[in-house]
PDB file of all heavy atoms in Angstrom:
ATOM      1  N   GLN A   1     188.718 109.970 127.102  1.00  0.00           N
ATOM      2  CA  GLN A   1     187.505 109.183 126.826  1.00  0.00           C
ATOM      3  C   GLN A   1     186.887 109.590 125.493  1.00  0.00           C
ATOM      4  O   GLN A   1     186.420 108.742 124.726  1.00  0.00           O
ATOM      5  CB  GLN A   1     186.506 109.411 127.965  1.00  0.00           C
ATOM      6  CG  GLN A   1     185.238 108.585 127.856  1.00  0.00           C
ATOM      7  CD  GLN A   1     184.264 108.930 128.970  1.00  0.00           C
ATOM      8  OE1 GLN A   1     183.917 110.091 129.174  1.00  0.00           O
ATOM      9  NE2 GLN A   1     183.829 107.919 129.714  1.00  0.00           N
ATOM     10  N   LEU A   2     186.931 110.882 125.196  1.00  0.00           N
ATOM     11  CA  LEU A   2     186.375 111.368 123.938  1.00  0.00           C
ATOM     12  C   LEU A   2     187.106 110.754 122.751  1.00  0.00           C
ATOM     13  O   LEU A   2     186.470 110.367 121.752  1.00  0.00           O
ATOM     14  CB  LEU A   2     186.478 112.895 123.896  1.00  0.00           C
ATOM     15  CG  LEU A   2     186.016 113.576 122.600  1.00  0.00           C
ATOM     16  CD1 LEU A   2     184.518 113.385 122.405  1.00  0.00           C
ATOM     17  CD2 LEU A   2     186.369 115.062 122.618  1.00  0.00           C
ATOM     18  N   VAL A   3     188.423 110.668 122.847  1.00  0.00           N
ATOM     19  CA  VAL A   3     189.205 110.071 121.757  1.00  0.00           C
ATOM     20  C   VAL A   3     188.748 108.642 121.510  1.00  0.00           C
ATOM     21  O   VAL A   3     188.538 108.223 120.355  1.00  0.00           O
ATOM     22  CB  VAL A   3     190.709 110.114 122.075  1.00  0.00           C
ATOM     23  CG1 VAL A   3     191.499 109.324 121.034  1.00  0.00           C
ATOM     24  CG2 VAL A   3     191.209 111.552 122.134  1.00  0.00           C
ATOM     25  N   GLU A   4     188.600 107.861 122.580  1.00  0.00           N
ATOM     26  CA  GLU A   4     188.218 106.457 122.417  1.00  0.00           C
ATOM     27  C   GLU A   4     186.781 106.325 121.925  1.00  0.00           C
ATOM     28  O   GLU A   4     186.464 105.428 121.139  1.00  0.00           O
ATOM     29  CB  GLU A   4     188.400 105.716 123.745  1.00  0.00           C
ATOM     30  CG  GLU A   4     189.830 105.710 124.258  1.00  0.00           C
ATOM     31  CD  GLU A   4     190.813 105.200 123.226  1.00  0.00           C
ATOM     32  OE1 GLU A   4     190.508 104.192 122.551  1.00  0.00           O
ATOM     33  OE2 GLU A   4     191.896 105.810 123.073  1.00  0.00           O
ATOM     34  N   GLN A   5     185.899 107.193 122.390  1.00  0.00           N
ATOM     35  CA  GLN A   5     184.492 107.095 121.996  1.00  0.00           C
ATOM     36  C   GLN A   5     184.267 107.502 120.546  1.00  0.00           C
ATOM     37  O   GLN A   5     183.518 106.847 119.814  1.00  0.00           O
ATOM     38  CB  GLN A   5     183.633 107.964 122.914  1.00  0.00           C
ATOM     39  CG  GLN A   5     183.492 107.438 124.329  1.00  0.00           C
ATOM     40  CD  GLN A   5     182.720 108.390 125.215  1.00  0.00           C
ATOM     41  OE1 GLN A   5     182.597 109.586 124.927  1.00  0.00           O
ATOM     42  NE2 GLN A   5     182.175 107.865 126.317  1.00  0.00           N
ATOM     43  N   ARG A   6     184.912 108.596 120.127  1.00  0.00           N
ATOM     44  CA  ARG A   6     184.643 109.124 118.785  1.00  0.00           C
ATOM     45  C   ARG A   6     185.589 108.578 117.733  1.00  0.00           C
ATOM     46  O   ARG A   6     185.316 108.695 116.543  1.00  0.00           O
ATOM     47  CB  ARG A   6     184.718 110.658 118.805  1.00  0.00           C
ATOM     48  CG  ARG A   6     183.804 111.313 119.814  1.00  0.00           C
ATOM     49  CD  ARG A   6     182.358 110.820 119.735  1.00  0.00           C
ATOM     50  NE  ARG A   6     181.738 111.111 118.474  1.00  0.00           N
ATOM     51  CZ  ARG A   6     181.056 112.226 118.212  1.00  0.00           C
ATOM     52  NH1 ARG A   6     180.934 113.151 119.147  1.00  0.00           N
ATOM     53  NH2 ARG A   6     180.492 112.426 117.045  1.00  0.00           N
ATOM     54  N   ALA A   7     186.707 107.998 118.137  1.00  0.00           N
ATOM     55  CA  ALA A   7     187.641 107.346 117.209  1.00  0.00           C
ATOM     56  C   ALA A   7     187.905 108.182 115.958  1.00  0.00           C
ATOM     57  O   ALA A   7     187.438 107.856 114.856  1.00  0.00           O
ATOM     58  CB  ALA A   7     187.112 105.962 116.818  1.00  0.00           C
ATOM     59  N   PRO A   8     188.634 109.281 116.079  1.00  0.00           N
ATOM     60  CA  PRO A   8     188.897 110.142 114.918  1.00  0.00           C
ATOM     61  C   PRO A   8     189.488 109.398 113.727  1.00  0.00           C
ATOM     62  O   PRO A   8     189.235 109.768 112.567  1.00  0.00           O
ATOM     63  CB  PRO A   8     189.880 111.183 115.472  1.00  0.00           C
ATOM     64  CG  PRO A   8     189.598 111.224 116.938  1.00  0.00           C
ATOM     65  CD  PRO A   8     189.245 109.815 117.308  1.00  0.00           C
ATOM     66  N   TRP A   9     190.275 108.362 113.959  1.00  0.00           N
ATOM     67  CA  TRP A   9     190.886 107.598 112.869  1.00  0.00           C
ATOM     68  C   TRP A   9     189.833 106.894 112.010  1.00  0.00           C
ATOM     69  O   TRP A   9     190.033 106.687 110.823  1.00  0.00           O
ATOM     70  CB  TRP A   9     191.882 106.595 113.434  1.00  0.00           C
ATOM     71  CG  TRP A   9     191.333 105.796 114.583  1.00  0.00           C
ATOM     72  CD1 TRP A   9     190.657 104.612 114.530  1.00  0.00           C
ATOM     73  CD2 TRP A   9     191.389 106.145 115.964  1.00  0.00           C
ATOM     74  NE1 TRP A   9     190.294 104.192 115.775  1.00  0.00           N
ATOM     75  CE2 TRP A   9     190.736 105.116 116.696  1.00  0.00           C
ATOM     76  CE3 TRP A   9     191.928 107.224 116.664  1.00  0.00           C
ATOM     77  CZ2 TRP A   9     190.605 105.139 118.081  1.00  0.00           C
ATOM     78  CZ3 TRP A   9     191.804 107.242 118.042  1.00  0.00           C
ATOM     79  CH2 TRP A   9     191.150 106.221 118.741  1.00  0.00           C
ATOM     80  N   THR A  10     188.688 106.573 112.642  1.00  0.00           N
ATOM     81  CA  THR A  10     187.591 105.978 111.887  1.00  0.00           C
ATOM     82  C   THR A  10     186.811 107.052 111.142  1.00  0.00           C
ATOM     83  O   THR A  10     186.445 106.873 109.971  1.00  0.00           O
ATOM     84  CB  THR A  10     186.647 105.199 112.825  1.00  0.00           C
ATOM     85  OG1 THR A  10     187.391 104.170 113.489  1.00  0.00           O
ATOM     86  CG2 THR A  10     185.501 104.580 112.052  1.00  0.00           C
ATOM     87  N   LEU A  11     186.546 108.175 111.815  1.00  0.00           N
ATOM     88  CA  LEU A  11     185.830 109.274 111.164  1.00  0.00           C
ATOM     89  C   LEU A  11     186.589 109.767 109.940  1.00  0.00           C
ATOM     90  O   LEU A  11     185.981 110.157 108.928  1.00  0.00           O
ATOM     91  CB  LEU A  11     185.650 110.431 112.153  1.00  0.00           C
ATOM     92  CG  LEU A  11     184.757 110.170 113.371  1.00  0.00           C
ATOM     93  CD1 LEU A  11     184.820 111.358 114.332  1.00  0.00           C
ATOM     94  CD2 LEU A  11     183.314 109.911 112.927  1.00  0.00           C
ATOM     95  N   ALA A  12     187.920 109.754 110.008  1.00  0.00           N
ATOM     96  CA  ALA A  12     188.728 110.278 108.909  1.00  0.00           C
ATOM     97  C   ALA A  12     188.578 109.451 107.625  1.00  0.00           C
ATOM     98  O   ALA A  12     188.859 109.946 106.524  1.00  0.00           O
ATOM     99  CB  ALA A  12     190.193 110.317 109.322  1.00  0.00           C
ATOM    100  N   LYS A  13     188.104 108.225 107.748  1.00  0.00           N
ATOM    101  CA  LYS A  13     187.957 107.368 106.577  1.00  0.00           C
ATOM    102  C   LYS A  13     186.673 107.652 105.802  1.00  0.00           C
ATOM    103  O   LYS A  13     186.506 107.161 104.678  1.00  0.00           O
ATOM    104  CB  LYS A  13     187.975 105.902 107.008  1.00  0.00           C
ATOM    105  CG  LYS A  13     189.285 105.467 107.649  1.00  0.00           C
ATOM    106  CD  LYS A  13     189.200 104.027 108.148  1.00  0.00           C
ATOM    107  CE  LYS A  13     190.489 103.598 108.838  1.00  0.00           C
ATOM    108  NZ  LYS A  13     190.407 102.200 109.357  1.00  0.00           N
ATOM    109  N   ASP A  14     185.751 108.414 106.408  1.00  0.00           N
ATOM    110  CA  ASP A  14     184.446 108.661 105.799  1.00  0.00           C
ATOM    111  C   ASP A  14     184.300 110.151 105.492  1.00  0.00           C
ATOM    112  O   ASP A  14     184.114 110.959 106.413  1.00  0.00           O
ATOM    113  CB  ASP A  14     183.344 108.204 106.750  1.00  0.00           C
ATOM    114  CG  ASP A  14     181.960 108.311 106.129  1.00  0.00           C
ATOM    115  OD1 ASP A  14     181.856 108.823 104.993  1.00  0.00           O
ATOM    116  OD2 ASP A  14     180.989 107.907 106.799  1.00  0.00           O
ATOM    117  N   PRO A  15     184.356 110.560 104.236  1.00  0.00           N
ATOM    118  CA  PRO A  15     184.214 111.984 103.894  1.00  0.00           C
ATOM    119  C   PRO A  15     182.926 112.597 104.417  1.00  0.00           C
ATOM    120  O   PRO A  15     182.883 113.803 104.705  1.00  0.00           O
ATOM    121  CB  PRO A  15     184.247 111.976 102.358  1.00  0.00           C
ATOM    122  CG  PRO A  15     184.999 110.728 102.000  1.00  0.00           C
ATOM    123  CD  PRO A  15     184.614 109.723 103.045  1.00  0.00           C
ATOM    124  N   ALA A  16     181.877 111.810 104.578  1.00  0.00           N
ATOM    125  CA  ALA A  16     180.608 112.346 105.071  1.00  0.00           C
ATOM    126  C   ALA A  16     180.694 112.756 106.538  1.00  0.00           C
ATOM    127  O   ALA A  16     179.833 113.483 107.035  1.00  0.00           O
ATOM    128  CB  ALA A  16     179.500 111.309 104.881  1.00  0.00           C
ATOM    129  N   GLN A  17     181.718 112.296 107.222  1.00  0.00           N
ATOM    130  CA  GLN A  17     181.892 112.610 108.638  1.00  0.00           C
ATOM    131  C   GLN A  17     182.925 113.723 108.863  1.00  0.00           C
ATOM    132  O   GLN A  17     183.397 113.911 109.973  1.00  0.00           O
ATOM    133  CB  GLN A  17     182.348 111.352 109.393  1.00  0.00           C
ATOM    134  CG  GLN A  17     181.357 110.207 109.358  1.00  0.00           C
ATOM    135  CD  GLN A  17     180.091 110.539 110.143  1.00  0.00           C
ATOM    136  OE1 GLN A  17     180.146 111.159 111.192  1.00  0.00           O
ATOM    137  NE2 GLN A  17     178.952 110.128 109.596  1.00  0.00           N
ATOM    138  N   ALA A  18     183.228 114.467 107.798  1.00  0.00           N
ATOM    139  CA  ALA A  18     184.285 115.483 107.902  1.00  0.00           C
ATOM    140  C   ALA A  18     183.958 116.537 108.955  1.00  0.00           C
ATOM    141  O   ALA A  18     184.826 116.936 109.739  1.00  0.00           O
ATOM    142  CB  ALA A  18     184.508 116.144 106.543  1.00  0.00           C
ATOM    143  N   ASP A  19     182.702 117.008 108.986  1.00  0.00           N
ATOM    144  CA  ASP A  19     182.330 118.031 109.973  1.00  0.00           C
ATOM    145  C   ASP A  19     182.408 117.479 111.388  1.00  0.00           C
ATOM    146  O   ASP A  19     182.822 118.180 112.333  1.00  0.00           O
ATOM    147  CB  ASP A  19     180.920 118.545 109.692  1.00  0.00           C
ATOM    148  CG  ASP A  19     180.861 119.422 108.436  1.00  0.00           C
ATOM    149  OD1 ASP A  19     181.936 119.860 107.989  1.00  0.00           O
ATOM    150  OD2 ASP A  19     179.745 119.648 107.937  1.00  0.00           O
ATOM    151  N   VAL A  20     182.011 116.223 111.553  1.00  0.00           N
ATOM    152  CA  VAL A  20     182.073 115.592 112.878  1.00  0.00           C
ATOM    153  C   VAL A  20     183.521 115.489 113.339  1.00  0.00           C
ATOM    154  O   VAL A  20     183.857 115.784 114.486  1.00  0.00           O
ATOM    155  CB  VAL A  20     181.416 114.200 112.853  1.00  0.00           C
ATOM    156  CG1 VAL A  20     181.560 113.522 114.222  1.00  0.00           C
ATOM    157  CG2 VAL A  20     179.956 114.308 112.454  1.00  0.00           C
ATOM    158  N   LEU A  21     184.388 115.077 112.418  1.00  0.00           N
ATOM    159  CA  LEU A  21     185.813 114.970 112.751  1.00  0.00           C
ATOM    160  C   LEU A  21     186.367 116.339 113.150  1.00  0.00           C
ATOM    161  O   LEU A  21     187.130 116.443 114.122  1.00  0.00           O
ATOM    162  CB  LEU A  21     186.595 114.412 111.560  1.00  0.00           C
ATOM    163  CG  LEU A  21     188.115 114.342 111.732  1.00  0.00           C
ATOM    164  CD1 LEU A  21     188.488 113.445 112.911  1.00  0.00           C
ATOM    165  CD2 LEU A  21     188.774 113.836 110.446  1.00  0.00           C
ATOM    166  N   ASP A  22     185.991 117.385 112.411  1.00  0.00           N
ATOM    167  CA  ASP A  22     186.466 118.726 112.753  1.00  0.00           C
ATOM    168  C   ASP A  22     186.035 119.120 114.165  1.00  0.00           C
ATOM    169  O   ASP A  22     186.822 119.693 114.931  1.00  0.00           O
ATOM    170  CB  ASP A  22     185.932 119.745 111.748  1.00  0.00           C
ATOM    171  CG  ASP A  22     186.668 119.687 110.410  1.00  0.00           C
ATOM    172  OD1 ASP A  22     187.779 119.121 110.381  1.00  0.00           O
ATOM    173  OD2 ASP A  22     186.135 120.209 109.418  1.00  0.00           O
ATOM    174  N   ARG A  23     184.772 118.828 114.501  1.00  0.00           N
ATOM    175  CA  ARG A  23     184.267 119.180 115.840  1.00  0.00           C
ATOM    176  C   ARG A  23     185.019 118.423 116.922  1.00  0.00           C
ATOM    177  O   ARG A  23     185.347 118.971 117.980  1.00  0.00           O
ATOM    178  CB  ARG A  23     182.769 118.905 115.942  1.00  0.00           C
ATOM    179  CG  ARG A  23     181.907 119.924 115.227  1.00  0.00           C
ATOM    180  CD  ARG A  23     180.471 119.868 115.714  1.00  0.00           C
ATOM    181  NE  ARG A  23     179.862 118.563 115.500  1.00  0.00           N
ATOM    182  CZ  ARG A  23     179.243 118.202 114.381  1.00  0.00           C
ATOM    183  NH1 ARG A  23     179.174 119.059 113.356  1.00  0.00           N
ATOM    184  NH2 ARG A  23     178.705 117.008 114.252  1.00  0.00           N
ATOM    185  N   VAL A  24     185.313 117.151 116.666  1.00  0.00           N
ATOM    186  CA  VAL A  24     186.040 116.345 117.644  1.00  0.00           C
ATOM    187  C   VAL A  24     187.450 116.892 117.837  1.00  0.00           C
ATOM    188  O   VAL A  24     187.920 117.071 118.975  1.00  0.00           O
ATOM    189  CB  VAL A  24     186.093 114.863 117.213  1.00  0.00           C
ATOM    190  CG1 VAL A  24     187.038 114.079 118.120  1.00  0.00           C
ATOM    191  CG2 VAL A  24     184.705 114.260 117.233  1.00  0.00           C
ATOM    192  N   LEU A  25     188.122 117.169 116.747  1.00  0.00           N
ATOM    193  CA  LEU A  25     189.495 117.680 116.845  1.00  0.00           C
ATOM    194  C   LEU A  25     189.530 119.050 117.521  1.00  0.00           C
ATOM    195  O   LEU A  25     190.414 119.317 118.349  1.00  0.00           O
ATOM    196  CB  LEU A  25     190.129 117.758 115.451  1.00  0.00           C
ATOM    197  CG  LEU A  25     190.374 116.417 114.757  1.00  0.00           C
ATOM    198  CD1 LEU A  25     190.929 116.641 113.348  1.00  0.00           C
ATOM    199  CD2 LEU A  25     191.330 115.544 115.568  1.00  0.00           C
ATOM    200  N   LEU A  26     188.561 119.917 117.178  1.00  0.00           N
ATOM    201  CA  LEU A  26     188.522 121.219 117.835  1.00  0.00           C
ATOM    202  C   LEU A  26     188.246 121.058 119.324  1.00  0.00           C
ATOM    203  O   LEU A  26     188.826 121.765 120.161  1.00  0.00           O
ATOM    204  CB  LEU A  26     187.455 122.107 117.200  1.00  0.00           C
ATOM    205  CG  LEU A  26     187.320 123.508 117.833  1.00  0.00           C
ATOM    206  CD1 LEU A  26     188.624 124.282 117.720  1.00  0.00           C
ATOM    207  CD2 LEU A  26     186.176 124.283 117.190  1.00  0.00           C
ATOM    208  N   GLY A  27     187.364 120.116 119.679  1.00  0.00           N
ATOM    209  CA  GLY A  27     187.083 119.875 121.095  1.00  0.00           C
ATOM    210  C   GLY A  27     188.328 119.439 121.845  1.00  0.00           C
ATOM    211  O   GLY A  27     188.580 119.888 122.972  1.00  0.00           O
ATOM    212  N   LEU A  28     189.139 118.580 121.207  1.00  0.00           N
ATOM    213  CA  LEU A  28     190.382 118.141 121.848  1.00  0.00           C
ATOM    214  C   LEU A  28     191.363 119.296 121.985  1.00  0.00           C
ATOM    215  O   LEU A  28     192.000 119.468 123.033  1.00  0.00           O
ATOM    216  CB  LEU A  28     191.009 117.013 121.032  1.00  0.00           C
ATOM    217  CG  LEU A  28     190.233 115.687 121.013  1.00  0.00           C
ATOM    218  CD1 LEU A  28     190.849 114.718 120.023  1.00  0.00           C
ATOM    219  CD2 LEU A  28     190.209 115.067 122.414  1.00  0.00           C
ATOM    220  N   LEU A  29     191.494 120.106 120.931  1.00  0.00           N
ATOM    221  CA  LEU A  29     192.422 121.238 120.987  1.00  0.00           C
ATOM    222  C   LEU A  29     192.005 122.244 122.067  1.00  0.00           C
ATOM    223  O   LEU A  29     192.838 122.704 122.853  1.00  0.00           O
ATOM    224  CB  LEU A  29     192.485 121.937 119.621  1.00  0.00           C
ATOM    225  CG  LEU A  29     193.159 121.176 118.485  1.00  0.00           C
ATOM    226  CD1 LEU A  29     192.988 121.931 117.169  1.00  0.00           C
ATOM    227  CD2 LEU A  29     194.639 120.955 118.787  1.00  0.00           C
ATOM    228  N   GLU A  30     190.719 122.572 122.101  1.00  0.00           N
ATOM    229  CA  GLU A  30     190.250 123.555 123.081  1.00  0.00           C
ATOM    230  C   GLU A  30     190.274 122.994 124.502  1.00  0.00           C
ATOM    231  O   GLU A  30     190.589 123.706 125.462  1.00  0.00           O
ATOM    232  CB  GLU A  30     188.839 124.017 122.724  1.00  0.00           C
ATOM    233  CG  GLU A  30     188.805 125.136 121.726  1.00  0.00           C
ATOM    234  CD  GLU A  30     189.460 126.400 122.278  1.00  0.00           C
ATOM    235  OE1 GLU A  30     188.809 127.132 123.042  1.00  0.00           O
ATOM    236  OE2 GLU A  30     190.644 126.645 121.971  1.00  0.00           O
ATOM    237  N   GLY A  31     189.946 121.717 124.619  1.00  0.00           N
ATOM    238  CA  GLY A  31     190.005 121.103 125.943  1.00  0.00           C
ATOM    239  C   GLY A  31     191.419 121.065 126.478  1.00  0.00           C
ATOM    240  O   GLY A  31     191.664 121.389 127.650  1.00  0.00           O
ATOM    241  N   LEU A  32     192.370 120.692 125.620  1.00  0.00           N
ATOM    242  CA  LEU A  32     193.773 120.660 126.037  1.00  0.00           C
ATOM    243  C   LEU A  32     194.293 122.057 126.338  1.00  0.00           C
ATOM    244  O   LEU A  32     195.098 122.248 127.257  1.00  0.00           O
ATOM    245  CB  LEU A  32     194.620 120.004 124.951  1.00  0.00           C
ATOM    246  CG  LEU A  32     194.641 118.478 124.964  1.00  0.00           C
ATOM    247  CD1 LEU A  32     195.208 117.932 123.662  1.00  0.00           C
ATOM    248  CD2 LEU A  32     195.438 117.960 126.157  1.00  0.00           C
ATOM    249  N   ARG A  33     193.851 123.046 125.568  1.00  0.00           N
ATOM    250  CA  ARG A  33     194.270 124.423 125.849  1.00  0.00           C
ATOM    251  C   ARG A  33     193.791 124.842 127.241  1.00  0.00           C
ATOM    252  O   ARG A  33     194.539 125.446 128.031  1.00  0.00           O
ATOM    253  CB  ARG A  33     193.702 125.374 124.789  1.00  0.00           C
ATOM    254  CG  ARG A  33     194.199 126.818 124.910  1.00  0.00           C
ATOM    255  CD  ARG A  33     193.488 127.715 123.914  1.00  0.00           C
ATOM    256  NE  ARG A  33     192.071 127.794 124.213  1.00  0.00           N
ATOM    257  CZ  ARG A  33     191.541 128.614 125.132  1.00  0.00           C
ATOM    258  NH1 ARG A  33     192.319 129.433 125.815  1.00  0.00           N
ATOM    259  NH2 ARG A  33     190.245 128.611 125.349  1.00  0.00           N
ATOM    260  N   ALA A  34     192.543 124.505 127.575  1.00  0.00           N
ATOM    261  CA  ALA A  34     192.015 124.836 128.900  1.00  0.00           C
ATOM    262  C   ALA A  34     192.794 124.109 129.994  1.00  0.00           C
ATOM    263  O   ALA A  34     193.136 124.696 131.033  1.00  0.00           O
ATOM    264  CB  ALA A  34     190.527 124.484 128.977  1.00  0.00           C
ATOM    265  N   VAL A  35     193.099 122.837 129.754  1.00  0.00           N
ATOM    266  CA  VAL A  35     193.865 122.060 130.735  1.00  0.00           C
ATOM    267  C   VAL A  35     195.237 122.688 130.964  1.00  0.00           C
ATOM    268  O   VAL A  35     195.696 122.821 132.108  1.00  0.00           O
ATOM    269  CB  VAL A  35     194.020 120.600 130.260  1.00  0.00           C
ATOM    270  CG1 VAL A  35     195.077 119.868 131.091  1.00  0.00           C
ATOM    271  CG2 VAL A  35     192.692 119.872 130.355  1.00  0.00           C
TER     272      VAL A  35
END
């Protein structure tokens, strides 16, 4: 659900959203590690 809501592919197009994209990707990595 997070992937669909935050749409990393859209965030990646906007340099101003770089920190947001990093947080989303880290959340996915850490969430998957926990899973």
